[in-house]
Amino acid sequence: KLVTTPKSQAKDNQFNSEVHITLQPDGGAKANLKIATTGEYRLSYVWQEAKKLDEQKEYWLKDLEIKQPSEFDFDPGKDVNGVKQVNINLEYDRFCDVMAGDKQFYKPATFALWHNVALATEKRVSDFYFDFPLEKSCVTTIELPSGYEVETLPANASLKFTYGTYDVNYVYDKNKNQVVSTAKFLLNTQMIPAAKYTEMQEYLDAVVKAENKKLVIHKT
């Protein structure tokens, strides 16, 4: 008798991360990423350990679409009780996107929590498949340089479509002179019916646009 393999659920495939970024007055930065994964994410990251060190570094840069750093160091981390950890340290000579007078403009993240978009099409006739349903989260703390303060926070966003949600929230603590963002991305199913493709495509476009909003700081 054949037994049906249980379908994977989003909660089975989690990517949770904490990022700490210290901005420098000259536009440089240092960042530490702590990542904990389960399910399909865990398996993928465990397999990477069999590769050469340079190949692993290249994988991380591409898989997370990490902004190219001046220095890159990582620790494969532990794999305990179904949770695979990875720690990454980055240094940037230039992390700032634009410097104009006493202002600095930043994309307030070292990597995109979600970076895939879907091509627009007039009428999709076949269903669309993701690799697996998933849950992703990232809490990012950004330490501003001494003598700088926030001028403009990126806009908060709360997006959804039939099979998923994306939320990001930014808070500026003036006393600590730091910005904390909390982002969550949820995909409830692997298969998207053809009839829902356009809704999905527009949703993913909106997610990527939300992730590209700028943090603006200026000298006090």
N, C-alpha and C. Protein backbone atom coordinates (compact mmCIF):
# COMPACT_ATOMS: atom_id res chain seq x y z
N LYS A 1 0.84 -1.20 0.00
CA LYS A 1 0.00 0.00 0.00
C LYS A 1 0.88 1.25 0.00
N LEU A 2 0.63 2.14 -0.92
CA LEU A 2 1.38 3.39 -0.99
C LEU A 2 0.83 4.38 0.03
N VAL A 3 1.74 5.04 0.70
CA VAL A 3 1.35 6.05 1.69
C VAL A 3 1.68 7.42 1.13
N THR A 4 0.72 8.30 1.12
CA THR A 4 0.93 9.65 0.59
C THR A 4 1.89 10.42 1.49
N THR A 5 2.90 11.02 0.87
CA THR A 5 3.85 11.84 1.62
C THR A 5 3.17 13.13 2.07
N PRO A 6 3.22 13.42 3.37
CA PRO A 6 2.56 14.65 3.85
C PRO A 6 3.13 15.88 3.16
N LYS A 7 2.26 16.81 2.83
CA LYS A 7 2.71 18.04 2.21
C LYS A 7 3.43 18.91 3.23
N SER A 8 4.48 19.57 2.78
CA SER A 8 5.21 20.48 3.64
C SER A 8 4.36 21.71 3.93
N GLN A 9 4.46 22.22 5.14
CA GLN A 9 3.76 23.43 5.53
C GLN A 9 4.76 24.55 5.75
N ALA A 10 4.28 25.78 5.70
CA ALA A 10 5.18 26.92 5.84
C ALA A 10 5.97 26.86 7.14
N LYS A 11 5.33 26.46 8.22
CA LYS A 11 6.01 26.42 9.52
C LYS A 11 7.15 25.41 9.56
N ASP A 12 7.15 24.46 8.61
CA ASP A 12 8.22 23.46 8.55
C ASP A 12 9.50 24.01 7.95
N ASN A 13 9.38 25.08 7.18
CA ASN A 13 10.53 25.64 6.45
C ASN A 13 10.73 27.10 6.87
N GLN A 14 11.48 27.29 7.94
CA GLN A 14 11.64 28.63 8.50
C GLN A 14 13.06 29.17 8.29
N PHE A 15 13.11 30.45 8.00
CA PHE A 15 14.36 31.20 7.89
C PHE A 15 14.21 32.40 8.80
N ASN A 16 14.88 32.37 9.94
CA ASN A 16 14.78 33.46 10.90
C ASN A 16 16.15 34.09 11.09
N SER A 17 16.19 35.41 11.11
CA SER A 17 17.49 36.08 11.17
C SER A 17 17.46 37.32 12.04
N GLU A 18 18.63 37.61 12.60
CA GLU A 18 18.85 38.85 13.35
C GLU A 18 20.10 39.51 12.76
N VAL A 19 19.99 40.79 12.48
CA VAL A 19 21.09 41.52 11.85
C VAL A 19 21.40 42.76 12.68
N HIS A 20 22.69 42.99 12.91
CA HIS A 20 23.11 44.20 13.61
C HIS A 20 24.08 44.95 12.71
N ILE A 21 23.71 46.19 12.36
CA ILE A 21 24.52 47.02 11.45
C ILE A 21 25.00 48.26 12.20
N THR A 22 26.29 48.51 12.15
CA THR A 22 26.86 49.72 12.73
C THR A 22 27.35 50.62 11.60
N LEU A 23 26.67 51.75 11.42
CA LEU A 23 27.03 52.68 10.36
C LEU A 23 28.21 53.55 10.78
N GLN A 24 29.05 53.89 9.80
CA GLN A 24 30.20 54.75 10.04
C GLN A 24 29.93 56.14 9.44
N PRO A 25 30.53 57.19 10.01
CA PRO A 25 30.30 58.55 9.49
C PRO A 25 30.68 58.71 8.02
N ASP A 26 31.66 57.92 7.55
CA ASP A 26 32.12 58.05 6.16
C ASP A 26 31.30 57.24 5.18
N GLY A 27 30.19 56.61 5.66
CA GLY A 27 29.34 55.82 4.78
C GLY A 27 29.65 54.34 4.78
N GLY A 28 30.69 53.95 5.51
CA GLY A 28 31.01 52.53 5.64
C GLY A 28 30.13 51.89 6.71
N ALA A 29 30.32 50.59 6.93
CA ALA A 29 29.52 49.89 7.93
C ALA A 29 30.11 48.53 8.27
N LYS A 30 29.75 48.05 9.44
CA LYS A 30 30.03 46.67 9.84
C LYS A 30 28.70 46.01 10.16
N ALA A 31 28.58 44.72 9.82
CA ALA A 31 27.31 44.03 10.04
C ALA A 31 27.54 42.60 10.49
N ASN A 32 26.66 42.15 11.36
CA ASN A 32 26.68 40.76 11.82
C ASN A 32 25.30 40.15 11.56
N LEU A 33 25.28 38.99 10.90
CA LEU A 33 24.04 38.28 10.60
C LEU A 33 24.01 36.97 11.36
N LYS A 34 22.94 36.72 12.08
CA LYS A 34 22.72 35.45 12.76
C LYS A 34 21.48 34.81 12.15
N ILE A 35 21.66 33.64 11.56
CA ILE A 35 20.58 32.98 10.82
C ILE A 35 20.29 31.62 11.44
N ALA A 36 19.02 31.30 11.59
CA ALA A 36 18.58 30.00 12.09
C ALA A 36 17.51 29.45 11.15
N THR A 37 17.70 28.23 10.68
CA THR A 37 16.80 27.68 9.66
C THR A 37 16.32 26.28 10.00
N THR A 38 15.17 25.93 9.42
CA THR A 38 14.63 24.58 9.57
C THR A 38 14.17 24.06 8.20
N GLY A 39 13.82 22.80 8.15
CA GLY A 39 13.24 22.21 6.95
C GLY A 39 14.13 22.28 5.72
N GLU A 40 13.54 22.72 4.60
CA GLU A 40 14.27 22.78 3.33
C GLU A 40 15.43 23.77 3.38
N TYR A 41 15.25 24.85 4.11
CA TYR A 41 16.36 25.80 4.26
C TYR A 41 17.53 25.12 4.98
N ARG A 42 17.22 24.42 6.04
CA ARG A 42 18.27 23.72 6.79
C ARG A 42 19.02 22.74 5.90
N LEU A 43 18.29 21.92 5.15
CA LEU A 43 18.94 20.94 4.28
C LEU A 43 19.87 21.60 3.28
N SER A 44 19.41 22.68 2.68
CA SER A 44 20.21 23.38 1.69
C SER A 44 21.51 23.91 2.30
N TYR A 45 21.42 24.45 3.50
CA TYR A 45 22.59 25.04 4.14
C TYR A 45 23.55 23.97 4.67
N VAL A 46 23.02 22.84 5.12
CA VAL A 46 23.88 21.73 5.54
C VAL A 46 24.69 21.21 4.35
N TRP A 47 24.04 21.10 3.20
CA TRP A 47 24.74 20.61 1.99
C TRP A 47 25.89 21.53 1.58
N GLN A 48 25.76 22.80 1.86
CA GLN A 48 26.81 23.75 1.47
C GLN A 48 28.14 23.47 2.17
N GLU A 49 28.08 22.86 3.34
CA GLU A 49 29.29 22.64 4.12
C GLU A 49 30.26 21.66 3.46
N ALA A 50 29.77 20.91 2.48
CA ALA A 50 30.64 19.96 1.77
C ALA A 50 31.48 20.67 0.70
N LYS A 51 31.15 21.91 0.42
CA LYS A 51 31.86 22.65 -0.63
C LYS A 51 33.09 23.36 -0.08
N LYS A 52 33.94 23.82 -0.99
CA LYS A 52 35.11 24.59 -0.60
C LYS A 52 34.67 25.92 0.00
N LEU A 53 35.54 26.50 0.82
CA LEU A 53 35.21 27.72 1.54
C LEU A 53 34.82 28.86 0.60
N ASP A 54 35.58 29.05 -0.47
CA ASP A 54 35.27 30.12 -1.42
C ASP A 54 33.92 29.91 -2.09
N GLU A 55 33.60 28.65 -2.37
CA GLU A 55 32.31 28.33 -2.99
C GLU A 55 31.16 28.60 -2.02
N GLN A 56 31.39 28.33 -0.74
CA GLN A 56 30.36 28.62 0.26
C GLN A 56 30.11 30.12 0.36
N LYS A 57 31.18 30.89 0.37
CA LYS A 57 31.03 32.35 0.44
C LYS A 57 30.26 32.87 -0.77
N GLU A 58 30.59 32.35 -1.95
CA GLU A 58 29.90 32.78 -3.17
C GLU A 58 28.42 32.41 -3.11
N TYR A 59 28.13 31.24 -2.55
CA TYR A 59 26.74 30.81 -2.39
C TYR A 59 25.96 31.79 -1.52
N TRP A 60 26.55 32.17 -0.38
CA TRP A 60 25.84 33.06 0.54
C TRP A 60 25.58 34.42 -0.08
N LEU A 61 26.56 34.93 -0.79
CA LEU A 61 26.40 36.23 -1.43
C LEU A 61 25.26 36.20 -2.45
N LYS A 62 25.19 35.12 -3.23
CA LYS A 62 24.17 35.01 -4.27
C LYS A 62 22.81 34.63 -3.69
N ASP A 63 22.78 33.67 -2.78
CA ASP A 63 21.51 33.17 -2.27
C ASP A 63 20.74 34.25 -1.51
N LEU A 64 21.45 35.05 -0.72
CA LEU A 64 20.79 36.10 0.04
C LEU A 64 20.82 37.44 -0.67
N GLU A 65 21.50 37.49 -1.82
CA GLU A 65 21.70 38.75 -2.54
C GLU A 65 22.28 39.81 -1.60
N ILE A 66 23.34 39.40 -0.92
CA ILE A 66 24.03 40.31 0.00
C ILE A 66 24.78 41.36 -0.81
N LYS A 67 24.65 42.59 -0.39
CA LYS A 67 25.41 43.67 -1.01
C LYS A 67 26.90 43.35 -0.88
N GLN A 68 27.66 43.46 -1.99
CA GLN A 68 29.05 43.05 -2.02
C GLN A 68 29.86 43.77 -0.94
N PRO A 69 30.43 43.03 0.02
CA PRO A 69 31.19 43.65 1.10
C PRO A 69 32.67 43.78 0.76
N SER A 70 33.37 44.58 1.55
CA SER A 70 34.82 44.68 1.43
C SER A 70 35.47 43.47 2.09
N GLU A 71 34.86 43.01 3.19
CA GLU A 71 35.33 41.81 3.89
C GLU A 71 34.14 40.94 4.23
N PHE A 72 34.37 39.63 4.12
CA PHE A 72 33.30 38.66 4.35
C PHE A 72 33.87 37.51 5.16
N ASP A 73 33.24 37.22 6.28
CA ASP A 73 33.68 36.10 7.12
C ASP A 73 32.43 35.39 7.64
N PHE A 74 32.48 34.08 7.69
CA PHE A 74 31.30 33.38 8.20
C PHE A 74 31.68 32.13 8.99
N ASP A 75 30.77 31.76 9.86
CA ASP A 75 30.90 30.56 10.68
C ASP A 75 29.72 29.67 10.33
N PRO A 76 29.97 28.44 9.84
CA PRO A 76 28.85 27.55 9.46
C PRO A 76 27.87 27.31 10.60
N GLY A 77 28.30 27.47 11.83
CA GLY A 77 27.39 27.35 12.95
C GLY A 77 27.00 25.92 13.28
N LYS A 78 26.12 25.78 14.25
CA LYS A 78 25.70 24.46 14.73
C LYS A 78 24.47 23.97 13.98
N ASP A 79 24.28 22.67 14.02
CA ASP A 79 23.09 22.02 13.47
C ASP A 79 22.54 21.11 14.56
N VAL A 80 21.62 21.65 15.35
CA VAL A 80 21.14 20.95 16.54
C VAL A 80 19.61 20.93 16.57
N ASN A 81 19.06 19.76 16.82
CA ASN A 81 17.61 19.60 16.97
C ASN A 81 16.82 20.16 15.79
N GLY A 82 17.34 19.90 14.59
CA GLY A 82 16.62 20.32 13.39
C GLY A 82 16.74 21.79 13.06
N VAL A 83 17.65 22.51 13.72
CA VAL A 83 17.85 23.93 13.46
C VAL A 83 19.30 24.16 13.04
N LYS A 84 19.49 24.66 11.83
CA LYS A 84 20.83 24.95 11.31
C LYS A 84 21.11 26.43 11.46
N GLN A 85 22.23 26.74 12.11
CA GLN A 85 22.60 28.13 12.33
C GLN A 85 23.77 28.52 11.42
N VAL A 86 23.80 29.77 11.06
CA VAL A 86 24.90 30.34 10.28
C VAL A 86 25.15 31.75 10.79
N ASN A 87 26.41 32.10 10.97
CA ASN A 87 26.78 33.46 11.38
C ASN A 87 27.67 34.08 10.32
N ILE A 88 27.35 35.31 9.93
CA ILE A 88 28.10 36.00 8.87
C ILE A 88 28.49 37.39 9.37
N ASN A 89 29.76 37.74 9.16
CA ASN A 89 30.26 39.08 9.49
C ASN A 89 30.68 39.79 8.21
N LEU A 90 30.24 41.03 8.07
CA LEU A 90 30.52 41.81 6.86
C LEU A 90 31.12 43.16 7.23
N GLU A 91 32.00 43.63 6.36
CA GLU A 91 32.51 44.99 6.48
C GLU A 91 32.39 45.68 5.13
N TYR A 92 31.99 46.95 5.17
CA TYR A 92 31.80 47.72 3.95
C TYR A 92 32.59 49.02 4.01
N ASP A 93 33.39 49.26 2.99
CA ASP A 93 34.02 50.58 2.86
C ASP A 93 32.97 51.61 2.49
N ARG A 94 31.95 51.16 1.73
CA ARG A 94 30.86 52.06 1.32
C ARG A 94 29.54 51.28 1.37
N PHE A 95 28.79 51.49 2.44
CA PHE A 95 27.48 50.87 2.59
C PHE A 95 26.38 51.84 2.19
N CYS A 96 26.66 53.11 2.30
CA CYS A 96 25.72 54.18 1.94
C CYS A 96 25.47 54.16 0.43
N ASP A 97 24.22 54.32 0.02
CA ASP A 97 23.89 54.35 -1.41
C ASP A 97 24.21 55.71 -2.02
N VAL A 98 23.84 56.78 -1.29
CA VAL A 98 24.06 58.14 -1.79
C VAL A 98 24.46 59.03 -0.62
N MET A 99 25.46 59.89 -0.86
CA MET A 99 25.83 60.92 0.11
C MET A 99 25.64 62.27 -0.56
N ALA A 100 24.82 63.13 0.06
CA ALA A 100 24.53 64.45 -0.52
C ALA A 100 24.57 65.48 0.58
N GLY A 101 25.63 66.30 0.60
CA GLY A 101 25.78 67.28 1.66
C GLY A 101 25.90 66.61 3.00
N ASP A 102 25.03 66.97 3.95
CA ASP A 102 25.08 66.35 5.27
C ASP A 102 24.13 65.16 5.39
N LYS A 103 23.59 64.72 4.25
CA LYS A 103 22.65 63.60 4.26
C LYS A 103 23.27 62.32 3.70
N GLN A 104 22.80 61.17 4.22
CA GLN A 104 23.19 59.86 3.72
C GLN A 104 21.93 59.03 3.50
N PHE A 105 21.89 58.34 2.36
CA PHE A 105 20.73 57.52 2.00
C PHE A 105 21.15 56.05 2.00
N TYR A 106 20.37 55.22 2.68
CA TYR A 106 20.69 53.79 2.81
C TYR A 106 19.49 52.91 2.46
N LYS A 107 19.80 51.77 1.84
CA LYS A 107 18.85 50.67 1.86
C LYS A 107 19.09 49.99 3.21
N PRO A 108 18.11 49.98 4.11
CA PRO A 108 18.35 49.60 5.50
C PRO A 108 18.40 48.09 5.75
N ALA A 109 19.21 47.39 4.96
CA ALA A 109 19.32 45.94 5.12
C ALA A 109 20.59 45.45 4.42
N THR A 110 21.13 44.35 4.91
CA THR A 110 22.30 43.76 4.25
C THR A 110 21.89 42.77 3.17
N PHE A 111 20.64 42.29 3.25
CA PHE A 111 20.13 41.35 2.25
C PHE A 111 18.62 41.51 2.13
N ALA A 112 18.09 41.00 1.05
CA ALA A 112 16.64 41.07 0.83
C ALA A 112 15.98 39.82 1.42
N LEU A 113 14.99 40.04 2.28
CA LEU A 113 14.26 38.90 2.84
C LEU A 113 13.57 38.12 1.73
N TRP A 114 13.10 38.85 0.72
CA TRP A 114 12.52 38.23 -0.47
C TRP A 114 12.95 39.03 -1.69
N HIS A 115 13.48 38.37 -2.71
CA HIS A 115 13.98 39.12 -3.86
C HIS A 115 13.50 38.59 -5.21
N ASN A 116 12.65 37.57 -5.20
CA ASN A 116 12.17 37.01 -6.46
C ASN A 116 10.87 37.69 -6.91
N VAL A 117 10.82 38.04 -8.19
CA VAL A 117 9.59 38.56 -8.77
C VAL A 117 9.13 37.60 -9.86
N ALA A 118 7.89 37.76 -10.27
CA ALA A 118 7.33 36.91 -11.33
C ALA A 118 7.06 37.77 -12.56
N LEU A 119 7.33 37.22 -13.72
CA LEU A 119 7.11 37.96 -14.96
C LEU A 119 5.63 38.21 -15.19
N ALA A 120 5.32 39.42 -15.63
CA ALA A 120 3.93 39.74 -15.95
C ALA A 120 3.51 39.00 -17.22
N THR A 121 2.30 38.52 -17.25
CA THR A 121 1.79 37.82 -18.43
C THR A 121 0.32 38.14 -18.59
N GLU A 122 -0.14 38.18 -19.82
CA GLU A 122 -1.54 38.55 -20.08
C GLU A 122 -2.51 37.51 -19.54
N LYS A 123 -2.21 36.24 -19.79
CA LYS A 123 -3.10 35.19 -19.29
C LYS A 123 -2.31 33.93 -19.02
N ARG A 124 -2.10 33.65 -17.76
CA ARG A 124 -1.36 32.45 -17.34
C ARG A 124 -2.28 31.24 -17.51
N VAL A 125 -1.77 30.19 -18.16
CA VAL A 125 -2.61 29.01 -18.40
C VAL A 125 -2.21 27.83 -17.53
N SER A 126 -1.01 27.89 -16.93
CA SER A 126 -0.57 26.78 -16.08
C SER A 126 -0.30 27.28 -14.67
N ASP A 127 -0.41 26.38 -13.71
CA ASP A 127 -0.16 26.74 -12.32
C ASP A 127 1.32 27.08 -12.12
N PHE A 128 1.58 27.87 -11.09
CA PHE A 128 2.95 28.28 -10.78
C PHE A 128 3.39 27.59 -9.49
N TYR A 129 4.64 27.07 -9.49
CA TYR A 129 5.13 26.33 -8.33
C TYR A 129 6.35 26.99 -7.71
N PHE A 130 6.28 27.24 -6.41
CA PHE A 130 7.45 27.61 -5.64
C PHE A 130 8.16 26.33 -5.20
N ASP A 131 9.36 26.47 -4.68
CA ASP A 131 10.09 25.28 -4.22
C ASP A 131 9.39 24.64 -3.03
N PHE A 132 8.86 25.46 -2.14
CA PHE A 132 8.17 24.96 -0.95
C PHE A 132 7.51 26.13 -0.23
N PRO A 133 6.48 25.88 0.58
CA PRO A 133 5.90 26.95 1.40
C PRO A 133 6.92 27.34 2.47
N LEU A 134 6.82 28.56 3.00
CA LEU A 134 7.90 29.01 3.90
C LEU A 134 7.48 30.17 4.78
N GLU A 135 8.27 30.35 5.83
CA GLU A 135 8.17 31.50 6.72
C GLU A 135 9.55 32.12 6.85
N LYS A 136 9.65 33.44 6.67
CA LYS A 136 10.92 34.12 6.81
C LYS A 136 10.74 35.34 7.72
N SER A 137 11.75 35.63 8.50
CA SER A 137 11.69 36.81 9.35
C SER A 137 13.08 37.40 9.51
N CYS A 138 13.13 38.70 9.76
CA CYS A 138 14.41 39.36 10.02
C CYS A 138 14.18 40.56 10.92
N VAL A 139 14.93 40.61 12.01
CA VAL A 139 14.95 41.78 12.88
C VAL A 139 16.31 42.44 12.69
N THR A 140 16.30 43.68 12.21
CA THR A 140 17.53 44.40 11.91
C THR A 140 17.67 45.62 12.82
N THR A 141 18.79 45.69 13.49
CA THR A 141 19.10 46.85 14.34
C THR A 141 20.22 47.65 13.68
N ILE A 142 19.96 48.93 13.44
CA ILE A 142 20.93 49.80 12.78
C ILE A 142 21.39 50.87 13.76
N GLU A 143 22.68 50.84 14.08
CA GLU A 143 23.27 51.85 14.96
C GLU A 143 23.74 53.03 14.09
N LEU A 144 23.20 54.22 14.36
CA LEU A 144 23.62 55.40 13.60
C LEU A 144 24.96 55.92 14.12
N PRO A 145 25.72 56.58 13.26
CA PRO A 145 26.99 57.16 13.71
C PRO A 145 26.74 58.30 14.70
N SER A 146 27.69 58.52 15.59
CA SER A 146 27.60 59.64 16.50
C SER A 146 27.53 60.94 15.70
N GLY A 147 26.61 61.83 16.10
CA GLY A 147 26.49 63.10 15.39
C GLY A 147 25.49 63.05 14.25
N TYR A 148 24.81 61.92 14.09
CA TYR A 148 23.78 61.79 13.04
C TYR A 148 22.45 61.41 13.68
N GLU A 149 21.36 61.72 13.00
CA GLU A 149 20.04 61.30 13.43
C GLU A 149 19.19 61.00 12.20
N VAL A 150 18.06 60.33 12.43
CA VAL A 150 17.17 59.96 11.33
C VAL A 150 16.43 61.19 10.82
N GLU A 151 16.42 61.33 9.51
CA GLU A 151 15.58 62.35 8.87
C GLU A 151 14.30 61.72 8.34
N THR A 152 14.45 60.56 7.67
CA THR A 152 13.27 59.89 7.11
C THR A 152 13.41 58.38 7.29
N LEU A 153 12.41 57.78 7.91
CA LEU A 153 12.35 56.32 8.01
C LEU A 153 11.70 55.75 6.75
N PRO A 154 12.10 54.54 6.34
CA PRO A 154 11.37 53.88 5.25
C PRO A 154 9.91 53.68 5.68
N ALA A 155 9.02 53.65 4.72
CA ALA A 155 7.60 53.46 5.03
C ALA A 155 7.33 52.04 5.52
N ASN A 156 6.50 51.92 6.55
CA ASN A 156 6.04 50.60 6.96
C ASN A 156 5.15 50.03 5.86
N ALA A 157 5.04 48.72 5.82
CA ALA A 157 4.21 48.08 4.79
C ALA A 157 3.52 46.85 5.35
N SER A 158 2.29 46.63 4.91
CA SER A 158 1.54 45.43 5.25
C SER A 158 0.83 44.98 3.97
N LEU A 159 1.37 43.93 3.36
CA LEU A 159 0.89 43.46 2.06
C LEU A 159 0.37 42.03 2.16
N LYS A 160 -0.55 41.70 1.29
CA LYS A 160 -1.05 40.33 1.30
C LYS A 160 -1.64 39.96 -0.05
N PHE A 161 -1.63 38.67 -0.31
CA PHE A 161 -2.41 38.10 -1.42
C PHE A 161 -3.01 36.81 -0.90
N THR A 162 -3.72 36.11 -1.74
CA THR A 162 -4.49 34.96 -1.28
C THR A 162 -3.66 33.94 -0.50
N TYR A 163 -2.38 33.79 -0.87
CA TYR A 163 -1.58 32.71 -0.27
C TYR A 163 -0.39 33.19 0.54
N GLY A 164 -0.38 34.48 0.92
CA GLY A 164 0.76 34.91 1.71
C GLY A 164 0.65 36.35 2.18
N THR A 165 1.59 36.73 3.05
CA THR A 165 1.63 38.07 3.59
C THR A 165 3.07 38.54 3.73
N TYR A 166 3.22 39.87 3.75
CA TYR A 166 4.52 40.49 4.02
C TYR A 166 4.27 41.72 4.88
N ASP A 167 5.02 41.82 5.97
CA ASP A 167 4.90 42.97 6.86
C ASP A 167 6.29 43.46 7.24
N VAL A 168 6.47 44.77 7.26
CA VAL A 168 7.72 45.35 7.75
C VAL A 168 7.39 46.61 8.53
N ASN A 169 8.08 46.78 9.65
CA ASN A 169 7.82 47.90 10.54
C ASN A 169 9.15 48.50 11.00
N TYR A 170 9.26 49.84 10.96
CA TYR A 170 10.48 50.53 11.35
C TYR A 170 10.22 51.41 12.57
N VAL A 171 11.13 51.35 13.54
CA VAL A 171 11.02 52.16 14.75
C VAL A 171 12.36 52.84 15.01
N TYR A 172 12.34 54.14 15.27
CA TYR A 172 13.55 54.88 15.60
C TYR A 172 13.57 55.21 17.08
N ASP A 173 14.59 54.72 17.78
CA ASP A 173 14.79 55.03 19.19
C ASP A 173 15.80 56.16 19.26
N LYS A 174 15.33 57.38 19.49
CA LYS A 174 16.21 58.54 19.47
C LYS A 174 17.23 58.50 20.60
N ASN A 175 16.83 57.97 21.76
CA ASN A 175 17.75 57.90 22.90
C ASN A 175 18.94 56.97 22.61
N LYS A 176 18.66 55.84 21.97
CA LYS A 176 19.73 54.90 21.62
C LYS A 176 20.34 55.23 20.26
N ASN A 177 19.69 56.13 19.53
CA ASN A 177 20.09 56.50 18.17
C ASN A 177 20.23 55.27 17.29
N GLN A 178 19.18 54.47 17.29
CA GLN A 178 19.16 53.26 16.47
C GLN A 178 17.78 53.04 15.86
N VAL A 179 17.81 52.41 14.70
CA VAL A 179 16.58 52.03 14.00
C VAL A 179 16.43 50.51 14.07
N VAL A 180 15.25 50.06 14.43
CA VAL A 180 14.98 48.62 14.47
C VAL A 180 13.84 48.31 13.50
N SER A 181 14.11 47.41 12.57
CA SER A 181 13.07 46.98 11.63
C SER A 181 12.74 45.52 11.87
N THR A 182 11.46 45.20 11.74
CA THR A 182 11.00 43.82 11.86
C THR A 182 10.23 43.46 10.60
N ALA A 183 10.74 42.47 9.88
CA ALA A 183 10.11 42.07 8.62
C ALA A 183 9.73 40.59 8.67
N LYS A 184 8.56 40.29 8.11
CA LYS A 184 8.08 38.90 8.06
C LYS A 184 7.46 38.61 6.69
N PHE A 185 7.83 37.45 6.14
CA PHE A 185 7.30 37.03 4.84
C PHE A 185 6.75 35.62 5.00
N LEU A 186 5.51 35.43 4.58
CA LEU A 186 4.85 34.13 4.72
C LEU A 186 4.28 33.69 3.37
N LEU A 187 4.61 32.47 2.98
CA LEU A 187 4.03 31.84 1.78
C LEU A 187 3.38 30.54 2.24
N ASN A 188 2.05 30.48 2.13
CA ASN A 188 1.31 29.36 2.71
C ASN A 188 1.28 28.09 1.88
N THR A 189 1.59 28.20 0.61
CA THR A 189 1.44 27.03 -0.26
C THR A 189 2.53 27.00 -1.33
N GLN A 190 2.78 25.83 -1.87
CA GLN A 190 3.79 25.69 -2.91
C GLN A 190 3.21 26.01 -4.29
N MET A 191 1.95 25.66 -4.50
CA MET A 191 1.33 25.81 -5.82
C MET A 191 0.37 26.99 -5.86
N ILE A 192 0.56 27.85 -6.85
CA ILE A 192 -0.33 28.99 -7.05
C ILE A 192 -1.15 28.72 -8.31
N PRO A 193 -2.47 28.63 -8.21
CA PRO A 193 -3.30 28.38 -9.40
C PRO A 193 -3.10 29.46 -10.46
N ALA A 194 -3.22 29.06 -11.71
CA ALA A 194 -3.03 30.01 -12.82
C ALA A 194 -3.92 31.24 -12.66
N ALA A 195 -5.12 31.04 -12.14
CA ALA A 195 -6.06 32.15 -12.00
C ALA A 195 -5.60 33.19 -10.97
N LYS A 196 -4.66 32.79 -10.10
CA LYS A 196 -4.16 33.70 -9.07
C LYS A 196 -2.77 34.24 -9.41
N TYR A 197 -2.27 33.92 -10.59
CA TYR A 197 -0.90 34.30 -10.94
C TYR A 197 -0.72 35.82 -10.97
N THR A 198 -1.62 36.54 -11.58
CA THR A 198 -1.48 38.00 -11.68
C THR A 198 -1.51 38.64 -10.31
N GLU A 199 -2.38 38.15 -9.44
CA GLU A 199 -2.44 38.66 -8.07
C GLU A 199 -1.10 38.45 -7.37
N MET A 200 -0.52 37.25 -7.55
CA MET A 200 0.78 36.94 -6.95
C MET A 200 1.88 37.83 -7.51
N GLN A 201 1.86 38.02 -8.83
CA GLN A 201 2.90 38.81 -9.51
C GLN A 201 2.88 40.25 -8.99
N GLU A 202 1.70 40.83 -8.86
CA GLU A 202 1.59 42.20 -8.38
C GLU A 202 2.00 42.30 -6.91
N TYR A 203 1.68 41.28 -6.13
CA TYR A 203 2.06 41.24 -4.72
C TYR A 203 3.58 41.19 -4.55
N LEU A 204 4.24 40.31 -5.29
CA LEU A 204 5.69 40.19 -5.18
C LEU A 204 6.39 41.47 -5.63
N ASP A 205 5.87 42.11 -6.67
CA ASP A 205 6.42 43.40 -7.09
C ASP A 205 6.33 44.42 -5.95
N ALA A 206 5.21 44.42 -5.27
CA ALA A 206 5.01 45.37 -4.17
C ALA A 206 5.95 45.06 -3.00
N VAL A 207 6.21 43.79 -2.75
CA VAL A 207 7.14 43.40 -1.68
C VAL A 207 8.54 43.93 -1.98
N VAL A 208 9.01 43.72 -3.19
CA VAL A 208 10.35 44.17 -3.57
C VAL A 208 10.45 45.70 -3.50
N LYS A 209 9.40 46.39 -3.92
CA LYS A 209 9.41 47.86 -3.84
C LYS A 209 9.47 48.31 -2.39
N ALA A 210 8.74 47.64 -1.51
CA ALA A 210 8.76 47.99 -0.09
C ALA A 210 10.14 47.79 0.51
N GLU A 211 10.83 46.74 0.07
CA GLU A 211 12.16 46.45 0.60
C GLU A 211 13.21 47.47 0.13
N ASN A 212 12.92 48.17 -0.94
CA ASN A 212 13.89 49.11 -1.51
C ASN A 212 13.69 50.55 -1.03
N LYS A 213 12.80 50.77 -0.08
CA LYS A 213 12.62 52.11 0.47
C LYS A 213 13.87 52.52 1.24
N LYS A 214 14.18 53.82 1.22
CA LYS A 214 15.43 54.30 1.78
C LYS A 214 15.29 54.84 3.21
N LEU A 215 16.37 54.64 3.96
CA LEU A 215 16.55 55.29 5.26
C LEU A 215 17.44 56.51 5.01
N VAL A 216 17.01 57.68 5.47
CA VAL A 216 17.79 58.91 5.28
C VAL A 216 18.22 59.43 6.66
N ILE A 217 19.53 59.66 6.81
CA ILE A 217 20.04 60.24 8.04
C ILE A 217 20.79 61.53 7.72
N HIS A 218 20.95 62.40 8.69
CA HIS A 218 21.70 63.63 8.47
C HIS A 218 22.48 64.03 9.72
N LYS A 219 23.47 64.87 9.52
CA LYS A 219 24.25 65.37 10.65
C LYS A 219 23.39 66.28 11.52
N THR A 220 23.61 66.21 12.81
CA THR A 220 22.86 67.05 13.74
C THR A 220 23.55 68.40 13.89
